[in-house]
C-alpha atoms as a PDB file:
ATOM      1  CA  MET A   1     -52.682 146.493 -55.187  1.00  0.00           C
ATOM      2  CA  GLU A   2     -49.188 146.386 -56.664  1.00  0.00           C
ATOM      3  CA  LYS A   3     -47.470 149.590 -57.703  1.00  0.00           C
ATOM      4  CA  LYS A   4     -47.535 150.071 -61.472  1.00  0.00           C
ATOM      5  CA  LEU A   5     -44.135 150.162 -63.133  1.00  0.00           C
ATOM      6  CA  SER A   6     -43.179 152.081 -66.252  1.00  0.00           C
ATOM      7  CA  ILE A   7     -42.027 150.060 -69.248  1.00  0.00           C
ATOM      8  CA  GLU A   8     -38.662 151.850 -69.086  1.00  0.00           C
ATOM      9  CA  TYR A   9     -38.215 150.693 -65.489  1.00  0.00           C
ATOM     10  CA  VAL A  10     -39.161 147.142 -66.494  1.00  0.00           C
ATOM     11  CA  LYS A  11     -36.733 147.221 -69.443  1.00  0.00           C
ATOM     12  CA  LYS A  12     -33.870 148.478 -67.301  1.00  0.00           C
ATOM     13  CA  ASN A  13     -34.409 146.344 -64.201  1.00  0.00           C
ATOM     14  CA  TYR A  14     -36.194 143.166 -65.266  1.00  0.00           C
ATOM     15  CA  HIS A  15     -35.239 142.330 -68.846  1.00  0.00           C
ATOM     16  CA  PRO A  16     -31.615 141.523 -67.899  1.00  0.00           C
ATOM     17  CA  LYS A  17     -32.931 139.329 -65.049  1.00  0.00           C
ATOM     18  CA  ILE A  18     -35.260 137.501 -67.424  1.00  0.00           C
ATOM     19  CA  TRP A  19     -32.405 136.881 -69.856  1.00  0.00           C
ATOM     20  CA  LYS A  20     -30.035 135.749 -67.109  1.00  0.00           C
ATOM     21  CA  LYS A  21     -32.575 133.243 -65.786  1.00  0.00           C
ATOM     22  CA  LEU A  22     -33.610 131.856 -69.169  1.00  0.00           C
ATOM     23  CA  LYS A  23     -30.277 131.936 -71.029  1.00  0.00           C
ATOM     24  CA  PRO A  24     -29.112 128.436 -69.936  1.00  0.00           C
ATOM     25  CA  ILE A  25     -32.395 126.739 -70.835  1.00  0.00           C
ATOM     26  CA  ILE A  26     -32.627 128.672 -74.124  1.00  0.00           C
ATOM     27  CA  GLU A  27     -29.125 127.533 -75.046  1.00  0.00           C
ATOM     28  CA  ASP A  28     -30.078 123.935 -74.192  1.00  0.00           C
ATOM     29  CA  ILE A  29     -33.213 124.202 -76.345  1.00  0.00           C
ATOM     30  CA  ASN A  30     -31.157 125.579 -79.227  1.00  0.00           C
ATOM     31  CA  SER A  31     -28.641 122.729 -78.944  1.00  0.00           C
ATOM     32  CA  ILE A  32     -31.321 120.042 -78.831  1.00  0.00           C
ATOM     33  CA  ILE A  33     -33.154 121.496 -81.826  1.00  0.00           C
ATOM     34  CA  GLU A  34     -29.932 121.781 -83.836  1.00  0.00           C
ATOM     35  CA  LEU A  35     -29.084 118.147 -83.053  1.00  0.00           C
ATOM     36  CA  ASN A  36     -32.343 117.186 -84.750  1.00  0.00           C
ATOM     37  CA  TYR A  37     -31.654 119.155 -87.952  1.00  0.00           C
ATOM     38  CA  VAL A  38     -31.236 117.062 -91.080  1.00  0.00           C
ATOM     39  CA  ASN A  39     -30.634 117.998 -94.689  1.00  0.00           C
ATOM     40  CA  ASP A  40     -34.342 118.425 -95.280  1.00  0.00           C
ATOM     41  CA  PHE A  41     -35.727 121.941 -95.633  1.00  0.00           C
ATOM     42  CA  ASP A  42     -39.149 120.984 -94.248  1.00  0.00           C
ATOM     43  CA  VAL A  43     -37.655 119.484 -91.077  1.00  0.00           C
ATOM     44  CA  VAL A  44     -35.372 122.472 -90.502  1.00  0.00           C
ATOM     45  CA  TYR A  45     -38.294 124.855 -91.123  1.00  0.00           C
ATOM     46  CA  ARG A  46     -40.542 122.987 -88.658  1.00  0.00           C
ATOM     47  CA  LEU A  47     -37.873 122.735 -85.957  1.00  0.00           C
ATOM     48  CA  SER A  48     -36.746 126.360 -86.341  1.00  0.00           C
ATOM     49  CA  ASN A  49     -40.319 127.570 -85.969  1.00  0.00           C
ATOM     50  CA  LEU A  50     -40.795 125.261 -83.002  1.00  0.00           C
ATOM     51  CA  LYS A  51     -37.617 126.600 -81.363  1.00  0.00           C
ATOM     52  CA  TYR A  52     -38.562 130.263 -81.646  1.00  0.00           C
ATOM     53  CA  GLN A  53     -42.203 129.714 -80.678  1.00  0.00           C
ATOM     54  CA  PHE A  54     -41.219 127.611 -77.660  1.00  0.00           C
ATOM     55  CA  ILE A  55     -38.554 130.067 -76.481  1.00  0.00           C
ATOM     56  CA  ARG A  56     -40.933 133.006 -76.910  1.00  0.00           C
ATOM     57  CA  SER A  57     -43.530 131.306 -74.713  1.00  0.00           C
ATOM     58  CA  LEU A  58     -40.908 130.706 -72.019  1.00  0.00           C
ATOM     59  CA  ILE A  59     -39.888 134.378 -72.128  1.00  0.00           C
ATOM     60  CA  PHE A  60     -43.521 135.485 -71.847  1.00  0.00           C
ATOM     61  CA  SER A  61     -43.991 133.116 -68.907  1.00  0.00           C
ATOM     62  CA  GLU A  62     -40.996 134.568 -67.077  1.00  0.00           C
ATOM     63  CA  SER A  63     -41.868 138.183 -67.939  1.00  0.00           C
ATOM     64  CA  GLU A  64     -45.390 137.737 -66.552  1.00  0.00           C
ATOM     65  CA  LYS A  65     -43.864 137.827 -63.072  1.00  0.00           C
ATOM     66  CA  TYR A  66     -43.341 141.553 -63.648  1.00  0.00           C
ATOM     67  CA  VAL A  67     -45.874 142.619 -66.283  1.00  0.00           C
ATOM     68  CA  ASN A  68     -49.184 140.927 -67.096  1.00  0.00           C
ATOM     69  CA  GLU A  69     -52.792 141.735 -67.898  1.00  0.00           C
ATOM     70  CA  LYS A  70     -53.693 142.005 -64.193  1.00  0.00           C
ATOM     71  CA  ASN A  71     -50.626 144.151 -63.485  1.00  0.00           C
ATOM     72  CA  PRO A  72     -49.867 146.201 -66.611  1.00  0.00           C
ATOM     73  CA  THR A  73     -47.257 148.942 -66.794  1.00  0.00           C
ATOM     74  CA  THR A  74     -48.191 152.573 -66.273  1.00  0.00           C
ATOM     75  CA  GLU A  75     -48.451 152.801 -70.075  1.00  0.00           C
ATOM     76  CA  GLY A  76     -51.054 150.003 -70.051  1.00  0.00           C
ATOM     77  CA  ILE A  77     -48.774 147.307 -71.473  1.00  0.00           C
ATOM     78  CA  GLY A  78     -50.009 143.879 -70.336  1.00  0.00           C
ATOM     79  CA  HIS A  79     -47.796 141.624 -72.481  1.00  0.00           C
ATOM     80  CA  ASP A  80     -44.091 142.399 -72.393  1.00  0.00           C
ATOM     81  CA  TYR A  81     -43.103 141.949 -76.025  1.00  0.00           C
ATOM     82  CA  TYR A  82     -40.103 144.136 -75.230  1.00  0.00           C
ATOM     83  CA  ALA A  83     -38.747 141.368 -72.966  1.00  0.00           C
ATOM     84  CA  VAL A  84     -39.142 138.852 -75.766  1.00  0.00           C
ATOM     85  CA  GLU A  85     -37.393 141.138 -78.219  1.00  0.00           C
ATOM     86  CA  TYR A  86     -34.581 141.847 -75.724  1.00  0.00           C
ATOM     87  CA  CYS A  87     -33.980 138.136 -75.066  1.00  0.00           C
ATOM     88  CA  PHE A  88     -34.107 137.259 -78.768  1.00  0.00           C
ATOM     89  CA  GLU A  89     -31.540 139.978 -79.514  1.00  0.00           C
ATOM     90  CA  LYS A  90     -29.224 138.473 -76.895  1.00  0.00           C
ATOM     91  CA  PHE A  91     -29.865 134.938 -78.155  1.00  0.00           C
ATOM     92  CA  ILE A  92     -29.291 135.828 -81.821  1.00  0.00           C
ATOM     93  CA  TYR A  93     -26.152 137.832 -81.054  1.00  0.00           C
ATOM     94  CA  ASN A  94     -24.742 134.948 -78.973  1.00  0.00           C
ATOM     95  CA  ASN A  95     -25.459 132.514 -81.809  1.00  0.00           C
ATOM     96  CA  TYR A  96     -23.590 134.707 -84.289  1.00  0.00           C
ATOM     97  CA  LEU A  97     -20.720 135.031 -81.818  1.00  0.00           C
ATOM     98  CA  LYS A  98     -20.483 131.237 -81.403  1.00  0.00           C
ATOM     99  CA  ARG A  99     -20.595 130.707 -85.157  1.00  0.00           C
ATOM    100  CA  LYS A 100     -17.823 133.274 -85.638  1.00  0.00           C
ATOM    101  CA  LYS A 101     -15.628 131.576 -83.010  1.00  0.00           C
ATOM    102  CA  LYS A 102     -16.115 128.254 -84.822  1.00  0.00           C
ATOM    103  CA  GLY A 103     -15.116 129.875 -88.107  1.00  0.00           C
ATOM    104  CA  LEU A 104     -18.532 129.365 -89.686  1.00  0.00           C
ATOM    105  CA  ILE A 105     -18.984 133.090 -90.362  1.00  0.00           C
ATOM    106  CA  ARG A 106     -16.529 135.968 -90.696  1.00  0.00           C
ATOM    107  CA  ILE A 107     -18.480 138.904 -89.342  1.00  0.00           C
ATOM    108  CA  ILE A 108     -21.333 139.455 -86.933  1.00  0.00           C
ATOM    109  CA  PRO A 109     -24.173 141.448 -88.509  1.00  0.00           C
ATOM    110  CA  LYS A 110     -24.769 145.031 -87.442  1.00  0.00           C
ATOM    111  CA  ASP A 111     -27.031 145.673 -84.456  1.00  0.00           C
ATOM    112  CA  PHE A 112     -29.931 146.832 -86.626  1.00  0.00           C
ATOM    113  CA  VAL A 113     -29.884 143.501 -88.515  1.00  0.00           C
ATOM    114  CA  ILE A 114     -29.979 141.560 -85.245  1.00  0.00           C
ATOM    115  CA  LYS A 115     -32.794 143.807 -83.966  1.00  0.00           C
ATOM    116  CA  GLU A 116     -34.845 143.205 -87.121  1.00  0.00           C
ATOM    117  CA  GLU A 117     -34.293 139.461 -86.850  1.00  0.00           C
ATOM    118  CA  ALA A 118     -35.370 139.565 -83.197  1.00  0.00           C
ATOM    119  CA  LYS A 119     -38.515 141.530 -84.093  1.00  0.00           C
ATOM    120  CA  LYS A 120     -39.418 138.970 -86.737  1.00  0.00           C
ATOM    121  CA  PHE A 121     -39.409 136.163 -84.166  1.00  0.00           C
ATOM    122  CA  THR A 122     -41.037 138.289 -81.463  1.00  0.00           C
ATOM    123  CA  TYR A 123     -44.124 139.277 -83.407  1.00  0.00           C
ATOM    124  CA  THR A 124     -45.006 136.112 -85.311  1.00  0.00           C
ATOM    125  CA  GLY A 125     -48.286 134.445 -84.426  1.00  0.00           C
ATOM    126  CA  ILE A 126     -48.514 132.315 -81.316  1.00  0.00           C
ATOM    127  CA  HIS A 127     -48.980 128.586 -81.913  1.00  0.00           C
ATOM    128  CA  PRO A 128     -51.427 127.479 -79.175  1.00  0.00           C
ATOM    129  CA  LYS A 129     -50.083 123.932 -78.839  1.00  0.00           C
ATOM    130  CA  ILE A 130     -46.474 125.091 -78.467  1.00  0.00           C
ATOM    131  CA  ASP A 131     -47.420 127.934 -76.133  1.00  0.00           C
ATOM    132  CA  LYS A 132     -49.347 125.577 -73.862  1.00  0.00           C
ATOM    133  CA  ALA A 133     -46.531 123.008 -73.757  1.00  0.00           C
ATOM    134  CA  ALA A 134     -43.880 125.634 -72.960  1.00  0.00           C
ATOM    135  CA  ARG A 135     -45.995 127.140 -70.192  1.00  0.00           C
ATOM    136  CA  VAL A 136     -46.703 123.706 -68.682  1.00  0.00           C
ATOM    137  CA  GLY A 137     -42.981 122.999 -68.633  1.00  0.00           C
ATOM    138  CA  TYR A 138     -42.142 126.438 -67.266  1.00  0.00           C
ATOM    139  CA  LYS A 139     -44.514 126.022 -64.321  1.00  0.00           C
ATOM    140  CA  LYS A 140     -42.698 122.855 -63.232  1.00  0.00           C
ATOM    141  CA  ASP A 141     -38.956 122.813 -63.908  1.00  0.00           C
ATOM    142  CA  ASN A 142     -36.243 122.556 -66.572  1.00  0.00           C
ATOM    143  CA  ALA A 143     -36.671 118.785 -66.882  1.00  0.00           C
ATOM    144  CA  GLU A 144     -40.352 119.267 -67.705  1.00  0.00           C
ATOM    145  CA  ILE A 145     -39.483 122.012 -70.197  1.00  0.00           C
ATOM    146  CA  MET A 146     -37.191 119.554 -72.003  1.00  0.00           C
ATOM    147  CA  ARG A 147     -39.808 116.796 -71.829  1.00  0.00           C
ATOM    148  CA  GLN A 148     -42.421 119.071 -73.408  1.00  0.00           C
ATOM    149  CA  LEU A 149     -39.920 120.112 -76.085  1.00  0.00           C
ATOM    150  CA  ALA A 150     -39.101 116.466 -76.865  1.00  0.00           C
ATOM    151  CA  ILE A 151     -42.807 115.717 -77.317  1.00  0.00           C
ATOM    152  CA  LEU A 152     -43.150 118.630 -79.736  1.00  0.00           C
ATOM    153  CA  ILE A 153     -40.001 117.678 -81.675  1.00  0.00           C
ATOM    154  CA  LYS A 154     -41.567 114.277 -82.364  1.00  0.00           C
ATOM    155  CA  ASP A 155     -44.889 115.831 -83.420  1.00  0.00           C
ATOM    156  CA  LYS A 156     -44.727 115.829 -87.214  1.00  0.00           C
ATOM    157  CA  ASP A 157     -48.226 117.342 -87.428  1.00  0.00           C
ATOM    158  CA  LEU A 158     -47.282 120.800 -86.123  1.00  0.00           C
ATOM    159  CA  ASP A 159     -48.522 123.224 -88.740  1.00  0.00           C
ATOM    160  CA  PHE A 160     -46.901 126.638 -89.090  1.00  0.00           C
ATOM    161  CA  SER A 161     -49.096 127.843 -91.932  1.00  0.00           C
ATOM    162  CA  ALA A 162     -51.005 131.086 -91.626  1.00  0.00           C
ATOM    163  CA  PRO A 163     -54.104 130.789 -89.382  1.00  0.00           C
ATOM    164  CA  ALA A 164     -56.449 131.076 -92.378  1.00  0.00           C
ATOM    165  CA  ILE A 165     -54.729 128.171 -94.127  1.00  0.00           C
ATOM    166  CA  ILE A 166     -54.859 126.054 -90.956  1.00  0.00           C
ATOM    167  CA  PHE A 167     -58.598 126.801 -90.713  1.00  0.00           C
ATOM    168  CA  ILE A 168     -59.180 125.761 -94.332  1.00  0.00           C
ATOM    169  CA  LYS A 169     -57.174 122.540 -93.865  1.00  0.00           C
ATOM    170  CA  LYS A 170     -59.074 121.702 -90.684  1.00  0.00           C
ATOM    171  CA  TYR A 171     -62.542 122.403 -92.074  1.00  0.00           C
ATOM    172  CA  TYR A 172     -61.960 121.533 -95.735  1.00  0.00           C
ATOM    173  CA  ALA A 173     -64.820 119.016 -95.998  1.00  0.00           C
ATOM    174  CA  ILE A 174     -67.311 121.339 -94.296  1.00  0.00           C
ATOM    175  CA  ILE A 175     -66.315 124.250 -96.523  1.00  0.00           C
ATOM    176  CA  LEU A 176     -66.748 122.102 -99.654  1.00  0.00           C
ATOM    177  CA  PHE A 177     -70.158 120.924 -98.451  1.00  0.00           C
ATOM    178  CA  ILE A 178     -71.325 124.499 -97.808  1.00  0.00           C
ATOM    179  CA  LEU A 179     -70.008 125.678-101.186  1.00  0.00           C
ATOM    180  CA  ALA A 180     -71.723 122.793-102.973  1.00  0.00           C
ATOM    181  CA  PHE A 181     -74.957 123.532-101.134  1.00  0.00           C
ATOM    182  CA  LEU A 182     -74.745 127.228-102.038  1.00  0.00           C
ATOM    183  CA  ILE A 183     -74.065 126.455-105.691  1.00  0.00           C
ATOM    184  CA  LEU A 184     -77.026 124.088-105.821  1.00  0.00           C
ATOM    185  CA  TYR A 185     -79.236 126.564-104.000  1.00  0.00           C
ATOM    186  CA  ILE A 186     -78.282 129.478-106.264  1.00  0.00           C
ATOM    187  CA  SER A 187     -78.686 127.416-109.448  1.00  0.00           C
ATOM    188  CA  GLY A 188     -82.134 126.315-108.259  1.00  0.00           C
ATOM    189  CA  ILE A 189     -81.483 122.595-108.295  1.00  0.00           C
END
């Protein structure tokens, strides 16, 4: 049985390692996604969501080497959301820094703004299709990660609506049938 680690130990010793390992591939993912941006809000929205969901799944995959459900921290943490938040903070800060160097922005937001932005992307719902693709790629190599990303970029059917809305869209006909049946049943027809 492996020795249980505290979350503070994991934060101090493993989060920088996770970031160092994933930083190059995250930067490549960001570049590829940005190359596919067009002047269409829906496309940018879809690709931005894809980018953050895909990156988050890669971070979870890497962090599971240290913390997972079978080997939680001493505090009982089995999913290292802290690693995801840490990496997103680094990623977001680096993006602001690059944009400032290019003259696209004048100032880099305060740390608390970057932290809030990182939290937003850390704690959004997990898209099963994106999570699966990122984990498949992660298990193989960087080329497979990029191949999985390319497949998802081309997938125009990715839906980032709330889970309840996705459910209604998927089962719309069945829901209408049940409602019609209930209305007929209640009205006695």
